[in-house]
């Protein structure tokens, strides 16, 4: 992957996992990364208490969203059905479309 995409995915993932440790009260956290069809996707899911107020944005959350947007991607953060939180970072990687 291009270095900018690698760094963004690493930083977003690190912040998401840090939030799980600090706030979620989770017993498990699953991190996945996939690259296909010209996109890199990072997903971080936990089985904790979920977001108390999904509209509340802290500095860490805002930085995750900003990192994704800087590369033309998106970062979605929300509650999982049945409990827990899910962070999905989806970043375009045009050079990888044909690989």
N, C-alpha and C. Protein backbone atom coordinates (compact mmCIF):
# COMPACT_ATOMS: atom_id res chain seq x y z
N UNK A 1 0.84 -1.19 0.00
CA UNK A 1 0.00 0.00 0.00
C UNK A 1 0.87 1.25 0.00
N UNK A 2 0.36 2.34 -0.54
CA UNK A 2 1.10 3.59 -0.45
C UNK A 2 1.33 3.96 1.03
N UNK A 3 2.47 4.57 1.31
CA UNK A 3 2.83 4.88 2.68
C UNK A 3 1.76 5.71 3.39
N UNK A 4 1.16 6.66 2.71
CA UNK A 4 0.13 7.50 3.34
C UNK A 4 -1.07 6.68 3.79
N UNK A 5 -1.44 5.69 3.01
CA UNK A 5 -2.57 4.82 3.37
C UNK A 5 -2.18 3.93 4.54
N UNK A 6 -0.97 3.37 4.50
CA UNK A 6 -0.51 2.54 5.62
C UNK A 6 -0.51 3.31 6.93
N UNK A 7 0.02 4.52 6.90
CA UNK A 7 0.09 5.33 8.12
C UNK A 7 -1.30 5.67 8.61
N UNK A 8 -2.19 6.06 7.71
CA UNK A 8 -3.55 6.41 8.11
C UNK A 8 -4.26 5.21 8.74
N UNK A 9 -4.16 4.05 8.11
CA UNK A 9 -4.82 2.86 8.66
C UNK A 9 -4.24 2.49 10.03
N UNK A 10 -2.92 2.59 10.16
CA UNK A 10 -2.28 2.29 11.44
C UNK A 10 -2.77 3.25 12.52
N UNK A 11 -2.76 4.54 12.24
CA UNK A 11 -3.15 5.54 13.24
C UNK A 11 -4.63 5.42 13.60
N UNK A 12 -5.47 5.21 12.61
CA UNK A 12 -6.90 5.03 12.88
C UNK A 12 -7.12 3.79 13.73
N UNK A 13 -6.47 2.69 13.34
CA UNK A 13 -6.61 1.45 14.10
C UNK A 13 -6.09 1.58 15.52
N UNK A 14 -4.95 2.24 15.68
CA UNK A 14 -4.38 2.42 17.02
C UNK A 14 -5.32 3.23 17.91
N UNK A 15 -5.89 4.29 17.36
CA UNK A 15 -6.82 5.11 18.15
C UNK A 15 -8.08 4.34 18.49
N UNK A 16 -8.60 3.57 17.53
CA UNK A 16 -9.80 2.78 17.79
C UNK A 16 -9.55 1.74 18.89
N UNK A 17 -8.42 1.05 18.83
CA UNK A 17 -8.10 0.05 19.86
C UNK A 17 -7.85 0.74 21.20
N UNK A 18 -7.19 1.88 21.18
CA UNK A 18 -6.97 2.65 22.41
C UNK A 18 -8.32 3.01 23.05
N UNK A 19 -9.29 3.41 22.23
CA UNK A 19 -10.62 3.73 22.74
C UNK A 19 -11.31 2.51 23.34
N UNK A 20 -11.12 1.35 22.72
CA UNK A 20 -11.68 0.11 23.28
C UNK A 20 -11.12 -0.12 24.68
N UNK A 21 -9.80 -0.01 24.81
CA UNK A 21 -9.14 -0.26 26.09
C UNK A 21 -9.59 0.75 27.14
N UNK A 22 -9.67 2.01 26.77
CA UNK A 22 -9.99 3.07 27.72
C UNK A 22 -11.47 3.16 28.10
N UNK A 23 -12.36 2.92 27.13
CA UNK A 23 -13.75 3.28 27.34
C UNK A 23 -14.78 2.16 27.20
N UNK A 24 -14.47 1.10 26.48
CA UNK A 24 -15.52 0.16 26.07
C UNK A 24 -15.94 -0.85 27.13
N UNK A 25 -15.02 -1.22 28.01
CA UNK A 25 -15.34 -2.31 28.94
C UNK A 25 -15.56 -3.61 28.18
N UNK A 26 -14.84 -3.79 27.09
CA UNK A 26 -15.03 -4.95 26.22
C UNK A 26 -14.18 -6.13 26.68
N UNK A 27 -14.66 -7.33 26.35
CA UNK A 27 -13.85 -8.52 26.59
C UNK A 27 -13.13 -8.95 25.32
N UNK A 28 -13.63 -8.53 24.15
CA UNK A 28 -12.95 -8.83 22.89
C UNK A 28 -12.95 -7.62 21.97
N UNK A 29 -11.94 -7.59 21.12
CA UNK A 29 -11.80 -6.57 20.09
C UNK A 29 -11.22 -7.28 18.87
N UNK A 30 -11.86 -7.11 17.72
CA UNK A 30 -11.40 -7.76 16.49
C UNK A 30 -11.03 -6.68 15.48
N UNK A 31 -9.81 -6.78 14.95
CA UNK A 31 -9.30 -5.83 13.96
C UNK A 31 -9.08 -6.58 12.66
N UNK A 32 -9.65 -6.07 11.57
CA UNK A 32 -9.43 -6.68 10.26
C UNK A 32 -9.02 -5.59 9.26
N UNK A 33 -8.19 -6.01 8.31
CA UNK A 33 -7.78 -5.13 7.22
C UNK A 33 -7.94 -5.93 5.93
N UNK A 34 -8.54 -5.30 4.94
CA UNK A 34 -8.71 -5.95 3.64
C UNK A 34 -8.45 -4.93 2.54
N UNK A 35 -7.85 -5.40 1.45
CA UNK A 35 -7.64 -4.55 0.28
C UNK A 35 -8.24 -5.27 -0.90
N UNK A 36 -9.19 -4.61 -1.55
CA UNK A 36 -9.80 -5.20 -2.74
C UNK A 36 -10.49 -4.11 -3.54
N UNK A 37 -10.58 -4.30 -4.81
CA UNK A 37 -11.26 -3.38 -5.72
C UNK A 37 -10.85 -1.93 -5.52
N UNK A 38 -9.55 -1.71 -5.34
CA UNK A 38 -9.06 -0.36 -5.23
C UNK A 38 -9.38 0.36 -3.92
N UNK A 39 -9.70 -0.40 -2.87
CA UNK A 39 -10.02 0.20 -1.58
C UNK A 39 -9.36 -0.59 -0.47
N UNK A 40 -8.93 0.12 0.56
CA UNK A 40 -8.42 -0.51 1.77
C UNK A 40 -9.44 -0.26 2.86
N UNK A 41 -9.80 -1.32 3.57
CA UNK A 41 -10.80 -1.19 4.63
C UNK A 41 -10.25 -1.76 5.93
N UNK A 42 -10.32 -0.95 6.96
CA UNK A 42 -9.96 -1.33 8.32
C UNK A 42 -11.24 -1.37 9.13
N UNK A 43 -11.45 -2.46 9.86
CA UNK A 43 -12.62 -2.57 10.72
C UNK A 43 -12.15 -2.95 12.12
N UNK A 44 -12.64 -2.23 13.12
CA UNK A 44 -12.36 -2.53 14.52
C UNK A 44 -13.70 -2.67 15.23
N UNK A 45 -13.97 -3.87 15.73
CA UNK A 45 -15.24 -4.16 16.42
C UNK A 45 -14.95 -4.64 17.83
N UNK A 46 -15.78 -4.20 18.78
CA UNK A 46 -15.65 -4.69 20.15
C UNK A 46 -17.02 -5.10 20.68
N UNK A 47 -17.00 -5.80 21.81
CA UNK A 47 -18.26 -6.25 22.41
C UNK A 47 -18.54 -5.51 23.72
N UNK A 48 -18.08 -4.27 23.80
CA UNK A 48 -18.25 -3.48 25.01
C UNK A 48 -19.62 -2.83 25.09
N UNK A 49 -19.67 -1.75 25.83
CA UNK A 49 -20.93 -1.06 26.12
C UNK A 49 -21.45 -0.17 25.02
N UNK A 50 -20.69 0.02 23.96
CA UNK A 50 -21.13 0.90 22.88
C UNK A 50 -20.93 2.37 23.23
N UNK A 51 -21.27 3.20 22.28
CA UNK A 51 -21.14 4.65 22.47
C UNK A 51 -22.33 5.17 23.26
N UNK A 52 -22.06 5.92 24.31
CA UNK A 52 -23.16 6.50 25.09
C UNK A 52 -23.93 7.51 24.25
N UNK A 53 -23.20 8.37 23.54
CA UNK A 53 -23.81 9.37 22.67
C UNK A 53 -23.05 9.37 21.35
N UNK A 54 -23.56 8.66 20.33
CA UNK A 54 -22.84 8.54 19.06
C UNK A 54 -22.53 9.88 18.40
N UNK A 55 -23.24 10.94 18.79
CA UNK A 55 -22.98 12.26 18.21
C UNK A 55 -21.81 12.97 18.90
N UNK A 56 -21.43 12.48 20.08
CA UNK A 56 -20.33 13.09 20.82
C UNK A 56 -19.00 12.74 20.16
N UNK A 57 -18.23 13.76 19.83
CA UNK A 57 -16.97 13.54 19.13
C UNK A 57 -15.83 14.10 19.96
N UNK A 58 -14.92 13.21 20.36
CA UNK A 58 -13.73 13.66 21.07
C UNK A 58 -12.60 13.91 20.10
N UNK A 59 -11.46 14.33 20.62
CA UNK A 59 -10.30 14.64 19.78
C UNK A 59 -9.84 13.40 19.01
N UNK A 60 -9.78 12.24 19.67
CA UNK A 60 -9.34 11.02 19.01
C UNK A 60 -10.27 10.61 17.89
N UNK A 61 -11.56 10.69 18.15
CA UNK A 61 -12.55 10.35 17.13
C UNK A 61 -12.45 11.30 15.95
N UNK A 62 -12.35 12.58 16.24
CA UNK A 62 -12.24 13.58 15.17
C UNK A 62 -10.98 13.34 14.34
N UNK A 63 -9.87 12.97 14.98
CA UNK A 63 -8.64 12.74 14.23
C UNK A 63 -8.75 11.52 13.32
N UNK A 64 -9.48 10.47 13.77
CA UNK A 64 -9.68 9.30 12.91
C UNK A 64 -10.45 9.70 11.65
N UNK A 65 -11.52 10.46 11.82
CA UNK A 65 -12.34 10.89 10.69
C UNK A 65 -11.51 11.78 9.75
N UNK A 66 -10.75 12.70 10.32
CA UNK A 66 -9.93 13.61 9.52
C UNK A 66 -8.88 12.85 8.72
N UNK A 67 -8.23 11.86 9.33
CA UNK A 67 -7.21 11.08 8.61
C UNK A 67 -7.81 10.38 7.40
N UNK A 68 -8.99 9.80 7.57
CA UNK A 68 -9.64 9.14 6.44
C UNK A 68 -10.01 10.12 5.34
N UNK A 69 -10.58 11.25 5.72
CA UNK A 69 -11.02 12.25 4.75
C UNK A 69 -9.85 12.86 3.98
N UNK A 70 -8.69 13.02 4.63
CA UNK A 70 -7.51 13.57 3.96
C UNK A 70 -7.10 12.75 2.75
N UNK A 71 -7.43 11.46 2.77
CA UNK A 71 -7.07 10.57 1.66
C UNK A 71 -8.27 10.24 0.78
N UNK A 72 -9.35 10.99 0.91
CA UNK A 72 -10.53 10.78 0.08
C UNK A 72 -11.40 9.64 0.55
N UNK A 73 -11.21 9.21 1.80
CA UNK A 73 -11.99 8.09 2.33
C UNK A 73 -12.99 8.52 3.38
N UNK A 74 -13.51 7.53 4.07
CA UNK A 74 -14.48 7.78 5.13
C UNK A 74 -14.12 6.95 6.36
N UNK A 75 -14.52 7.45 7.50
CA UNK A 75 -14.43 6.69 8.74
C UNK A 75 -15.79 6.78 9.41
N UNK A 76 -16.42 5.63 9.59
CA UNK A 76 -17.73 5.55 10.23
C UNK A 76 -17.56 4.92 11.61
N UNK A 77 -18.20 5.51 12.59
CA UNK A 77 -18.11 5.03 13.96
C UNK A 77 -19.52 4.93 14.51
N UNK A 78 -19.88 3.74 14.99
CA UNK A 78 -21.24 3.59 15.51
C UNK A 78 -21.38 2.39 16.41
N UNK A 79 -22.57 2.27 16.95
CA UNK A 79 -22.89 1.14 17.83
C UNK A 79 -23.24 -0.09 17.00
N UNK A 80 -22.85 -1.24 17.52
CA UNK A 80 -23.19 -2.53 16.91
C UNK A 80 -24.55 -2.98 17.44
N UNK A 81 -25.35 -3.64 16.62
CA UNK A 81 -26.59 -4.21 17.13
C UNK A 81 -26.26 -5.22 18.24
N UNK A 82 -26.90 -5.13 19.36
CA UNK A 82 -26.65 -6.06 20.44
C UNK A 82 -25.52 -5.62 21.36
N UNK A 83 -24.86 -4.50 21.08
CA UNK A 83 -23.82 -3.98 21.96
C UNK A 83 -22.47 -3.90 21.28
N UNK A 84 -21.66 -3.02 21.77
CA UNK A 84 -20.33 -2.84 21.21
C UNK A 84 -20.28 -1.69 20.24
N UNK A 85 -19.08 -1.44 19.76
CA UNK A 85 -18.83 -0.33 18.84
C UNK A 85 -18.10 -0.87 17.62
N UNK A 86 -18.33 -0.23 16.49
CA UNK A 86 -17.66 -0.60 15.24
C UNK A 86 -17.08 0.66 14.60
N UNK A 87 -15.82 0.59 14.22
CA UNK A 87 -15.15 1.64 13.46
C UNK A 87 -14.78 1.05 12.11
N UNK A 88 -15.20 1.71 11.03
CA UNK A 88 -14.87 1.26 9.69
C UNK A 88 -14.20 2.40 8.94
N UNK A 89 -12.95 2.20 8.56
CA UNK A 89 -12.21 3.17 7.74
C UNK A 89 -12.10 2.60 6.34
N UNK A 90 -12.57 3.34 5.37
CA UNK A 90 -12.57 2.91 3.97
C UNK A 90 -11.81 3.95 3.16
N UNK A 91 -10.65 3.57 2.63
CA UNK A 91 -9.77 4.52 1.95
C UNK A 91 -9.48 4.03 0.54
N UNK A 92 -9.65 4.90 -0.46
CA UNK A 92 -9.37 4.48 -1.84
C UNK A 92 -7.87 4.26 -2.07
N UNK A 93 -7.59 3.23 -2.86
CA UNK A 93 -6.20 2.94 -3.27
C UNK A 93 -6.25 2.66 -4.77
N UNK A 94 -6.35 3.73 -5.58
CA UNK A 94 -6.55 3.55 -7.02
C UNK A 94 -5.50 2.69 -7.71
N UNK A 95 -4.23 2.76 -7.29
CA UNK A 95 -3.17 1.97 -7.95
C UNK A 95 -3.41 0.48 -7.81
N UNK A 96 -4.20 0.08 -6.82
CA UNK A 96 -4.41 -1.34 -6.51
C UNK A 96 -5.65 -1.92 -7.19
N UNK A 97 -6.33 -1.13 -7.98
CA UNK A 97 -7.59 -1.58 -8.58
C UNK A 97 -7.41 -2.81 -9.46
N UNK A 98 -6.27 -2.93 -10.13
CA UNK A 98 -6.08 -4.03 -11.07
C UNK A 98 -5.24 -5.16 -10.52
N UNK A 99 -4.91 -5.16 -9.24
CA UNK A 99 -4.04 -6.20 -8.68
C UNK A 99 -4.83 -7.37 -8.20
